[in-house]
Amino acid sequence: MQKTWSYNTYEINEGLKPGSSTFRYFFVVSESGEKKCNYCVWILDEALSRFDPSKDFNAIVSSQTETWHRWVKEKIDAADFRNRVLKFDKAGEQEINLSEMTEHVKMD
């Protein structure tokens, strides 16, 4: 499931990470065809039921898209083009700078 939308002068491609058994939803922000950054929503398995009792990835995306779009727009409005993750776990949520993470993740 890949979607593309525009905000101001930016194009945003979004979708679930293909083939991932864990919930990872990516937003790739580009301007004039040049990639600016990646934003990502990660939901750890232990927190999936907070979003959908059946833990269905597509149902979670459908119910949360508007909220995540607001987060992406806030980052763009603030000119925060660092690669960021909005991570949900059992304790709640936290925003993490991808360059500071010890776990390596490929965006593609």
Protein backbone atom coordinates (compact mmCIF):
# COMPACT_ATOMS: atom_id res chain seq x y z
CA MET A 1 0.00 0.00 0.00
CA GLN A 2 1.79 3.09 -1.26
CA LYS A 3 0.20 6.54 -1.31
CA THR A 4 1.48 9.90 -2.46
CA TRP A 5 0.23 13.31 -1.40
CA SER A 6 1.45 16.91 -1.38
CA TYR A 7 1.87 19.48 1.35
CA ASN A 8 3.14 22.97 0.54
CA THR A 9 6.01 22.38 -1.91
CA TYR A 10 6.68 18.83 -0.68
CA GLU A 11 5.66 15.45 -1.99
CA ILE A 12 5.13 12.71 0.59
CA ASN A 13 5.19 9.01 -0.26
CA GLU A 14 3.87 6.78 2.48
CA GLY A 15 3.24 3.13 3.13
CA LEU A 16 3.88 0.10 5.27
CA LYS A 17 7.34 -1.39 5.03
CA PRO A 18 6.88 -4.28 2.57
CA GLY A 19 7.22 -7.74 4.06
CA SER A 20 7.77 -6.51 7.62
CA SER A 21 6.35 -8.65 10.43
CA THR A 22 6.47 -5.62 12.74
CA PHE A 23 4.49 -2.41 12.22
CA ARG A 24 6.65 0.13 10.40
CA TYR A 25 4.96 2.88 8.41
CA PHE A 26 7.16 5.24 6.44
CA PHE A 27 6.77 8.77 5.09
CA VAL A 28 9.42 9.83 2.56
CA VAL A 29 9.45 13.63 2.13
CA SER A 30 10.80 15.06 -1.13
CA GLU A 31 11.02 18.50 -2.67
CA SER A 32 11.50 19.00 -6.42
CA GLY A 33 12.25 15.29 -6.76
CA GLU A 34 15.00 15.37 -4.12
CA LYS A 35 14.55 13.38 -0.90
CA LYS A 36 14.62 15.60 2.21
CA CYS A 37 14.03 13.06 4.99
CA ASN A 38 12.16 10.03 6.29
CA TYR A 39 9.57 10.01 9.04
CA CYS A 40 8.41 6.70 10.42
CA VAL A 41 5.81 5.31 12.79
CA TRP A 42 6.83 2.15 14.61
CA ILE A 43 4.42 0.25 16.79
CA LEU A 44 5.99 -2.52 18.82
CA ASP A 45 4.05 -5.80 18.93
CA GLU A 46 3.22 -5.25 22.62
CA ALA A 47 1.39 -2.00 21.75
CA LEU A 48 -0.51 -3.07 18.60
CA SER A 49 -3.71 -3.93 20.48
CA ARG A 50 -3.95 -0.28 21.66
CA PHE A 51 -4.67 0.64 18.03
CA ASP A 52 -6.65 -2.40 16.88
CA PRO A 53 -7.73 -5.40 19.01
CA SER A 54 -7.08 -7.78 16.10
CA LYS A 55 -3.65 -6.15 15.48
CA ASP A 56 -4.54 -5.68 11.81
CA PHE A 57 -1.95 -3.39 10.18
CA ASN A 58 -4.33 -2.03 7.54
CA ALA A 59 -7.00 -1.23 10.14
CA ILE A 60 -4.39 0.62 12.21
CA VAL A 61 -3.29 2.65 9.19
CA SER A 62 -6.91 3.53 8.36
CA SER A 63 -7.66 4.70 11.89
CA GLN A 64 -4.42 6.65 12.43
CA THR A 65 -3.61 8.22 9.05
CA GLU A 66 -5.07 11.63 9.90
CA THR A 67 -3.11 11.84 13.16
CA TRP A 68 0.15 10.82 11.47
CA HIS A 69 -0.40 13.27 8.63
CA ARG A 70 -0.71 16.06 11.21
CA TRP A 71 2.60 14.93 12.76
CA VAL A 72 4.33 14.98 9.36
CA LYS A 73 2.91 18.43 8.55
CA GLU A 74 4.07 19.78 11.94
CA LYS A 75 7.61 18.54 11.20
CA ILE A 76 7.57 20.13 7.74
CA ASP A 77 6.16 23.42 9.12
CA ALA A 78 8.96 23.47 11.70
CA ALA A 79 11.54 22.75 8.95
CA ASP A 80 12.58 19.67 10.95
CA PHE A 81 13.98 17.48 8.21
CA ARG A 82 15.90 15.10 10.46
CA ASN A 83 15.01 11.44 10.00
CA ARG A 84 12.53 10.83 12.81
CA VAL A 85 10.63 7.89 14.31
CA LEU A 86 7.42 8.10 16.31
CA LYS A 87 7.72 4.91 18.35
CA PHE A 88 4.86 3.36 20.31
CA ASP A 89 5.55 0.77 22.98
CA LYS A 90 3.88 -0.54 26.13
CA ALA A 91 4.82 2.59 28.09
CA GLY A 92 3.51 5.10 25.56
CA GLU A 93 5.12 6.98 22.69
CA GLN A 94 8.38 8.75 22.07
CA GLU A 95 9.93 10.57 19.17
CA ILE A 96 13.44 9.49 18.26
CA ASN A 97 16.07 10.89 15.92
CA LEU A 98 16.97 7.95 13.66
CA SER A 99 20.65 8.91 13.61
CA GLU A 100 20.77 8.37 17.38
CA MET A 101 19.29 4.87 17.28
CA THR A 102 21.48 1.88 17.96
CA GLU A 103 19.23 -0.41 15.88
CA HIS A 104 19.91 -0.05 12.14
CA VAL A 105 16.86 0.12 9.90
CA LYS A 106 16.70 0.50 6.12
CA MET A 107 14.03 2.82 4.80
CA ASP A 108 13.46 0.98 1.53
